[in-house]
Amino acid sequence: MSFSIDTLDHLVLNVADVEVSAAWYARMLGMRRAEFESRTGTRVAMFYGNQKINLRPVTADTVAWFTGREPVPGSADLCFVTTAGPAEVKAHWLAQGVEIEAGPVERDGARGKMTSVYCRDPDGNLIEVATYPHA
């Protein structure tokens, strides 16, 4: 192969309600909301670290904003890494009324063993927040 991938720049989540999802990702995961103009109008993105998630309304025209073949909310399984401990993540979510799906549990991540806590976003996507042990 003549090239390799360095990192993920962004991903797109198909969501039922952009405003509800944007508020949830800001409140539950501390992401920063930003709006940007595209050739088809204003879009909403949630920034974290050096990446972003574009929130695409499931009703958006698939020609104007093309996406996967089946643009349905709730089909993603995402893992985010934090330096906060799993107990802190779980306590924050519980204080916000979020149901914990699992955790803290040990999992195997891209960098080795990690401890994860799971919940679901407003569309039903599985959200995992993981902590790696300090080296």
N, C-alpha and C. Protein backbone atom coordinates (compact mmCIF):
# COMPACT_ATOMS: atom_id res chain seq x y z
N MET A 1 0.85 -1.18 0.00
CA MET A 1 0.00 0.00 0.00
C MET A 1 0.89 1.24 0.00
N SER A 2 0.46 2.27 -0.70
CA SER A 2 1.28 3.46 -0.87
C SER A 2 1.04 4.54 0.18
N PHE A 3 0.06 4.38 1.05
CA PHE A 3 -0.20 5.37 2.10
C PHE A 3 -0.76 4.68 3.33
N SER A 4 -0.78 5.43 4.43
CA SER A 4 -1.43 4.93 5.65
C SER A 4 -2.17 6.09 6.31
N ILE A 5 -3.11 5.77 7.14
CA ILE A 5 -3.93 6.78 7.82
C ILE A 5 -3.23 7.20 9.11
N ASP A 6 -3.23 8.51 9.37
CA ASP A 6 -2.60 9.05 10.58
C ASP A 6 -3.57 9.15 11.75
N THR A 7 -4.75 9.70 11.51
CA THR A 7 -5.70 9.93 12.59
C THR A 7 -7.09 10.16 12.02
N LEU A 8 -8.08 10.13 12.86
CA LEU A 8 -9.45 10.44 12.46
C LEU A 8 -9.66 11.95 12.58
N ASP A 9 -10.14 12.58 11.52
CA ASP A 9 -10.41 14.01 11.54
C ASP A 9 -11.80 14.30 12.12
N HIS A 10 -12.81 13.67 11.55
CA HIS A 10 -14.17 13.86 12.04
C HIS A 10 -15.02 12.66 11.65
N LEU A 11 -16.15 12.57 12.30
CA LEU A 11 -17.14 11.59 11.90
C LEU A 11 -18.49 12.29 11.88
N VAL A 12 -19.44 11.67 11.22
CA VAL A 12 -20.78 12.23 11.11
C VAL A 12 -21.77 11.30 11.79
N LEU A 13 -22.56 11.87 12.68
CA LEU A 13 -23.65 11.12 13.31
C LEU A 13 -24.97 11.60 12.73
N ASN A 14 -25.77 10.68 12.25
CA ASN A 14 -27.12 10.99 11.81
C ASN A 14 -27.99 11.03 13.06
N VAL A 15 -28.64 12.16 13.30
CA VAL A 15 -29.39 12.36 14.53
C VAL A 15 -30.83 12.78 14.24
N ALA A 16 -31.71 12.45 15.15
CA ALA A 16 -33.12 12.83 15.01
C ALA A 16 -33.31 14.32 15.24
N ASP A 17 -32.56 14.90 16.19
CA ASP A 17 -32.72 16.31 16.55
C ASP A 17 -31.34 16.89 16.86
N VAL A 18 -30.85 17.75 15.99
CA VAL A 18 -29.50 18.31 16.14
C VAL A 18 -29.37 19.07 17.45
N GLU A 19 -30.36 19.87 17.81
CA GLU A 19 -30.27 20.68 19.03
C GLU A 19 -30.21 19.80 20.28
N VAL A 20 -31.03 18.78 20.34
CA VAL A 20 -31.03 17.86 21.49
C VAL A 20 -29.68 17.15 21.58
N SER A 21 -29.17 16.67 20.46
CA SER A 21 -27.88 15.96 20.46
C SER A 21 -26.74 16.89 20.83
N ALA A 22 -26.73 18.10 20.29
CA ALA A 22 -25.66 19.06 20.59
C ALA A 22 -25.63 19.37 22.08
N ALA A 23 -26.80 19.60 22.66
CA ALA A 23 -26.87 19.89 24.10
C ALA A 23 -26.38 18.70 24.91
N TRP A 24 -26.74 17.48 24.51
CA TRP A 24 -26.34 16.28 25.24
C TRP A 24 -24.82 16.10 25.19
N TYR A 25 -24.21 16.21 24.01
CA TYR A 25 -22.77 16.01 23.89
C TYR A 25 -21.99 17.10 24.64
N ALA A 26 -22.52 18.30 24.72
CA ALA A 26 -21.88 19.35 25.50
C ALA A 26 -21.99 19.05 26.99
N ARG A 27 -23.19 18.71 27.45
CA ARG A 27 -23.44 18.49 28.88
C ARG A 27 -22.83 17.19 29.41
N MET A 28 -22.92 16.12 28.64
CA MET A 28 -22.47 14.81 29.12
C MET A 28 -21.00 14.52 28.85
N LEU A 29 -20.45 15.10 27.78
CA LEU A 29 -19.07 14.79 27.42
C LEU A 29 -18.16 16.01 27.36
N GLY A 30 -18.70 17.19 27.63
CA GLY A 30 -17.89 18.40 27.67
C GLY A 30 -17.42 18.87 26.30
N MET A 31 -18.11 18.48 25.25
CA MET A 31 -17.71 18.91 23.91
C MET A 31 -18.16 20.34 23.66
N ARG A 32 -17.46 21.00 22.74
CA ARG A 32 -17.74 22.40 22.40
C ARG A 32 -18.50 22.46 21.08
N ARG A 33 -19.63 23.14 21.11
CA ARG A 33 -20.46 23.30 19.90
C ARG A 33 -19.91 24.41 19.02
N ALA A 34 -19.95 24.18 17.72
CA ALA A 34 -19.60 25.21 16.74
C ALA A 34 -20.50 25.05 15.53
N GLU A 35 -20.83 26.17 14.93
CA GLU A 35 -21.61 26.14 13.69
C GLU A 35 -20.70 26.57 12.56
N PHE A 36 -20.91 26.00 11.40
CA PHE A 36 -20.13 26.38 10.23
C PHE A 36 -21.02 26.35 9.00
N GLU A 37 -20.65 27.16 8.02
CA GLU A 37 -21.42 27.25 6.79
C GLU A 37 -20.89 26.25 5.77
N SER A 38 -21.81 25.61 5.10
CA SER A 38 -21.46 24.70 4.00
C SER A 38 -22.22 25.16 2.77
N ARG A 39 -22.01 24.49 1.68
CA ARG A 39 -22.72 24.88 0.45
C ARG A 39 -24.22 24.68 0.57
N THR A 40 -24.67 23.92 1.57
CA THR A 40 -26.10 23.65 1.74
C THR A 40 -26.69 24.32 2.98
N GLY A 41 -25.93 25.18 3.64
CA GLY A 41 -26.45 25.88 4.81
C GLY A 41 -25.61 25.66 6.05
N THR A 42 -26.15 26.06 7.19
CA THR A 42 -25.44 25.98 8.46
C THR A 42 -25.45 24.54 8.98
N ARG A 43 -24.29 24.11 9.44
CA ARG A 43 -24.16 22.79 10.05
C ARG A 43 -23.63 22.94 11.48
N VAL A 44 -23.87 21.93 12.29
CA VAL A 44 -23.43 21.95 13.69
C VAL A 44 -22.41 20.85 13.91
N ALA A 45 -21.32 21.21 14.59
CA ALA A 45 -20.28 20.24 14.93
C ALA A 45 -19.98 20.34 16.41
N MET A 46 -19.56 19.21 16.98
CA MET A 46 -19.15 19.15 18.37
C MET A 46 -17.67 18.82 18.40
N PHE A 47 -16.87 19.71 18.98
CA PHE A 47 -15.42 19.56 19.00
C PHE A 47 -14.94 18.97 20.32
N TYR A 48 -13.93 18.13 20.23
CA TYR A 48 -13.24 17.57 21.39
C TYR A 48 -11.82 17.26 20.95
N GLY A 49 -10.82 17.62 21.76
CA GLY A 49 -9.43 17.42 21.35
C GLY A 49 -9.21 18.03 19.98
N ASN A 50 -8.62 17.27 19.07
CA ASN A 50 -8.37 17.73 17.71
C ASN A 50 -9.35 17.13 16.71
N GLN A 51 -10.48 16.66 17.19
CA GLN A 51 -11.47 16.03 16.32
C GLN A 51 -12.83 16.73 16.48
N LYS A 52 -13.73 16.33 15.60
CA LYS A 52 -15.10 16.83 15.73
C LYS A 52 -16.08 15.78 15.25
N ILE A 53 -17.32 15.95 15.72
CA ILE A 53 -18.45 15.16 15.26
C ILE A 53 -19.40 16.13 14.58
N ASN A 54 -19.71 15.88 13.31
CA ASN A 54 -20.74 16.66 12.63
C ASN A 54 -22.08 16.00 12.93
N LEU A 55 -23.04 16.81 13.35
CA LEU A 55 -24.38 16.30 13.65
C LEU A 55 -25.27 16.53 12.44
N ARG A 56 -25.61 15.46 11.76
CA ARG A 56 -26.40 15.54 10.53
C ARG A 56 -27.84 15.14 10.82
N PRO A 57 -28.80 16.05 10.54
CA PRO A 57 -30.19 15.66 10.73
C PRO A 57 -30.54 14.51 9.80
N VAL A 58 -31.19 13.50 10.33
CA VAL A 58 -31.52 12.32 9.53
C VAL A 58 -32.42 12.69 8.35
N THR A 59 -33.09 13.82 8.46
CA THR A 59 -33.98 14.28 7.38
C THR A 59 -33.24 15.05 6.29
N ALA A 60 -31.94 15.29 6.46
CA ALA A 60 -31.18 16.04 5.45
C ALA A 60 -31.17 15.31 4.12
N ASP A 61 -31.16 16.07 3.07
CA ASP A 61 -31.10 15.52 1.71
C ASP A 61 -29.79 14.76 1.53
N THR A 62 -29.88 13.51 1.12
CA THR A 62 -28.66 12.69 0.98
C THR A 62 -27.84 13.07 -0.24
N VAL A 63 -28.38 13.88 -1.13
CA VAL A 63 -27.58 14.39 -2.25
C VAL A 63 -26.79 15.61 -1.78
N ALA A 64 -27.47 16.52 -1.08
CA ALA A 64 -26.81 17.73 -0.59
C ALA A 64 -25.79 17.42 0.51
N TRP A 65 -26.10 16.48 1.39
CA TRP A 65 -25.18 16.09 2.46
C TRP A 65 -25.14 14.58 2.46
N PHE A 66 -24.29 14.02 1.59
CA PHE A 66 -24.27 12.57 1.47
C PHE A 66 -23.65 11.93 2.70
N THR A 67 -24.09 10.71 2.95
CA THR A 67 -23.71 9.99 4.16
C THR A 67 -23.76 8.50 3.86
N GLY A 68 -23.78 7.69 4.90
CA GLY A 68 -23.86 6.24 4.70
C GLY A 68 -25.14 5.85 3.96
N ARG A 69 -25.17 4.63 3.49
CA ARG A 69 -26.33 4.16 2.71
C ARG A 69 -27.64 4.20 3.49
N GLU A 70 -27.58 3.89 4.77
CA GLU A 70 -28.78 3.86 5.62
C GLU A 70 -28.61 4.87 6.74
N PRO A 71 -28.97 6.14 6.51
CA PRO A 71 -28.76 7.17 7.52
C PRO A 71 -29.79 7.08 8.65
N VAL A 72 -29.49 6.23 9.62
CA VAL A 72 -30.42 6.05 10.74
C VAL A 72 -29.75 6.46 12.05
N PRO A 73 -30.48 7.15 12.91
CA PRO A 73 -29.95 7.47 14.23
C PRO A 73 -29.84 6.21 15.08
N GLY A 74 -28.88 6.20 15.99
CA GLY A 74 -28.78 5.12 16.96
C GLY A 74 -28.00 3.91 16.53
N SER A 75 -27.26 3.99 15.44
CA SER A 75 -26.53 2.81 14.96
C SER A 75 -25.03 2.87 15.24
N ALA A 76 -24.57 3.90 15.95
CA ALA A 76 -23.14 4.06 16.21
C ALA A 76 -22.74 3.48 17.57
N ASP A 77 -21.48 3.12 17.67
CA ASP A 77 -20.86 2.63 18.90
C ASP A 77 -19.53 3.37 18.99
N LEU A 78 -19.45 4.38 19.85
CA LEU A 78 -18.30 5.27 19.90
C LEU A 78 -17.58 5.17 21.24
N CYS A 79 -16.25 5.21 21.20
CA CYS A 79 -15.45 5.20 22.41
C CYS A 79 -14.60 6.46 22.47
N PHE A 80 -14.74 7.21 23.56
CA PHE A 80 -13.95 8.41 23.79
C PHE A 80 -13.03 8.16 24.98
N VAL A 81 -11.86 8.80 24.96
CA VAL A 81 -10.88 8.63 26.03
C VAL A 81 -10.83 9.91 26.86
N THR A 82 -10.76 9.75 28.18
CA THR A 82 -10.64 10.87 29.10
C THR A 82 -9.55 10.58 30.12
N THR A 83 -9.08 11.63 30.77
CA THR A 83 -8.13 11.45 31.88
C THR A 83 -8.88 11.36 33.21
N ALA A 84 -10.17 11.67 33.19
CA ALA A 84 -10.97 11.54 34.41
C ALA A 84 -11.15 10.06 34.75
N GLY A 85 -11.27 9.77 36.01
CA GLY A 85 -11.47 8.38 36.42
C GLY A 85 -12.87 7.90 36.08
N PRO A 86 -13.04 6.59 35.93
CA PRO A 86 -14.36 6.04 35.61
C PRO A 86 -15.43 6.38 36.65
N ALA A 87 -15.05 6.45 37.91
CA ALA A 87 -16.02 6.79 38.96
C ALA A 87 -16.53 8.21 38.77
N GLU A 88 -15.65 9.11 38.34
CA GLU A 88 -16.04 10.50 38.09
C GLU A 88 -17.01 10.58 36.90
N VAL A 89 -16.71 9.84 35.85
CA VAL A 89 -17.59 9.81 34.67
C VAL A 89 -18.97 9.29 35.08
N LYS A 90 -18.98 8.17 35.78
CA LYS A 90 -20.24 7.55 36.20
C LYS A 90 -21.04 8.49 37.10
N ALA A 91 -20.37 9.13 38.06
CA ALA A 91 -21.05 10.04 38.98
C ALA A 91 -21.66 11.22 38.22
N HIS A 92 -20.94 11.76 37.24
CA HIS A 92 -21.45 12.89 36.45
C HIS A 92 -22.71 12.47 35.70
N TRP A 93 -22.63 11.32 35.03
CA TRP A 93 -23.79 10.86 34.27
C TRP A 93 -24.99 10.59 35.18
N LEU A 94 -24.76 9.94 36.30
CA LEU A 94 -25.87 9.66 37.22
C LEU A 94 -26.49 10.95 37.74
N ALA A 95 -25.65 11.95 38.04
CA ALA A 95 -26.16 13.23 38.52
C ALA A 95 -27.01 13.93 37.45
N GLN A 96 -26.74 13.64 36.19
CA GLN A 96 -27.50 14.22 35.08
C GLN A 96 -28.70 13.36 34.68
N GLY A 97 -28.91 12.25 35.39
CA GLY A 97 -30.05 11.39 35.10
C GLY A 97 -29.84 10.43 33.94
N VAL A 98 -28.59 10.20 33.57
CA VAL A 98 -28.28 9.29 32.47
C VAL A 98 -28.18 7.87 33.00
N GLU A 99 -28.82 6.93 32.32
CA GLU A 99 -28.76 5.53 32.71
C GLU A 99 -27.43 4.92 32.28
N ILE A 100 -26.76 4.26 33.21
CA ILE A 100 -25.50 3.60 32.91
C ILE A 100 -25.81 2.24 32.30
N GLU A 101 -25.26 1.98 31.13
CA GLU A 101 -25.47 0.70 30.45
C GLU A 101 -24.54 -0.38 31.01
N ALA A 102 -23.31 0.01 31.33
CA ALA A 102 -22.32 -0.92 31.89
C ALA A 102 -21.16 -0.12 32.46
N GLY A 103 -20.48 -0.74 33.42
CA GLY A 103 -19.24 -0.17 33.91
C GLY A 103 -19.34 0.41 35.30
N PRO A 104 -18.12 0.67 35.76
CA PRO A 104 -16.82 0.54 35.11
C PRO A 104 -16.44 -0.92 34.86
N VAL A 105 -15.91 -1.18 33.67
CA VAL A 105 -15.46 -2.50 33.26
C VAL A 105 -14.14 -2.37 32.51
N GLU A 106 -13.31 -3.42 32.59
CA GLU A 106 -12.05 -3.41 31.86
C GLU A 106 -12.28 -3.85 30.43
N ARG A 107 -11.66 -3.12 29.49
CA ARG A 107 -11.76 -3.43 28.07
C ARG A 107 -10.38 -3.33 27.43
N ASP A 108 -10.29 -3.80 26.20
CA ASP A 108 -9.06 -3.67 25.42
C ASP A 108 -9.25 -2.56 24.40
N GLY A 109 -8.46 -1.51 24.52
CA GLY A 109 -8.54 -0.39 23.60
C GLY A 109 -7.38 -0.38 22.63
N ALA A 110 -7.29 0.65 21.84
CA ALA A 110 -6.23 0.78 20.84
C ALA A 110 -4.85 0.87 21.48
N ARG A 111 -4.79 1.36 22.73
CA ARG A 111 -3.50 1.50 23.43
C ARG A 111 -3.31 0.50 24.55
N GLY A 112 -4.18 -0.50 24.62
CA GLY A 112 -4.05 -1.51 25.67
C GLY A 112 -5.27 -1.54 26.57
N LYS A 113 -5.06 -2.03 27.80
CA LYS A 113 -6.15 -2.16 28.77
C LYS A 113 -6.66 -0.78 29.18
N MET A 114 -7.96 -0.68 29.31
CA MET A 114 -8.59 0.56 29.74
C MET A 114 -9.83 0.22 30.56
N THR A 115 -10.31 1.19 31.32
CA THR A 115 -11.53 1.01 32.10
C THR A 115 -12.61 1.90 31.50
N SER A 116 -13.76 1.30 31.22
CA SER A 116 -14.82 2.00 30.48
C SER A 116 -16.13 2.06 31.24
N VAL A 117 -16.88 3.12 30.95
CA VAL A 117 -18.25 3.28 31.41
C VAL A 117 -19.09 3.55 30.16
N TYR A 118 -20.28 2.96 30.10
CA TYR A 118 -21.14 3.06 28.92
C TYR A 118 -22.49 3.68 29.24
N CYS A 119 -22.99 4.45 28.28
CA CYS A 119 -24.36 4.96 28.32
C CYS A 119 -24.86 5.07 26.88
N ARG A 120 -26.03 5.63 26.70
CA ARG A 120 -26.56 5.87 25.35
C ARG A 120 -26.91 7.35 25.20
N ASP A 121 -26.67 7.86 24.00
CA ASP A 121 -27.04 9.25 23.72
C ASP A 121 -28.53 9.32 23.40
N PRO A 122 -29.08 10.51 23.14
CA PRO A 122 -30.52 10.62 22.91
C PRO A 122 -31.05 9.78 21.74
N ASP A 123 -30.20 9.43 20.78
CA ASP A 123 -30.63 8.62 19.64
C ASP A 123 -30.43 7.13 19.87
N GLY A 124 -29.82 6.76 20.99
CA GLY A 124 -29.57 5.35 21.27
C GLY A 124 -28.20 4.85 20.87
N ASN A 125 -27.33 5.75 20.38
CA ASN A 125 -25.96 5.34 20.08
C ASN A 125 -25.28 4.92 21.38
N LEU A 126 -24.46 3.88 21.30
CA LEU A 126 -23.72 3.43 22.48
C LEU A 126 -22.49 4.31 22.65
N ILE A 127 -22.38 4.94 23.81
CA ILE A 127 -21.28 5.84 24.11
C ILE A 127 -20.43 5.22 25.21
N GLU A 128 -19.16 5.04 24.92
CA GLU A 128 -18.19 4.49 25.87
C GLU A 128 -17.19 5.59 26.20
N VAL A 129 -16.96 5.81 27.47
CA VAL A 129 -15.90 6.73 27.90
C VAL A 129 -14.89 5.90 28.68
N ALA A 130 -13.65 5.94 28.21
CA ALA A 130 -12.60 5.07 28.74
C ALA A 130 -11.46 5.87 29.34
N THR A 131 -10.82 5.25 30.31
CA THR A 131 -9.64 5.81 30.96
C THR A 131 -8.52 4.78 30.88
N TYR A 132 -7.36 5.20 30.39
CA TYR A 132 -6.19 4.33 30.39
C TYR A 132 -5.43 4.55 31.69
N PRO A 133 -4.80 3.50 32.22
CA PRO A 133 -4.00 3.68 33.43
C PRO A 133 -2.81 4.60 33.12
N HIS A 134 -2.39 5.33 34.12
CA HIS A 134 -1.25 6.23 33.93
C HIS A 134 0.02 5.41 33.73
N ALA A 135 0.82 5.82 32.77
CA ALA A 135 2.07 5.10 32.47
C ALA A 135 3.16 5.47 33.45
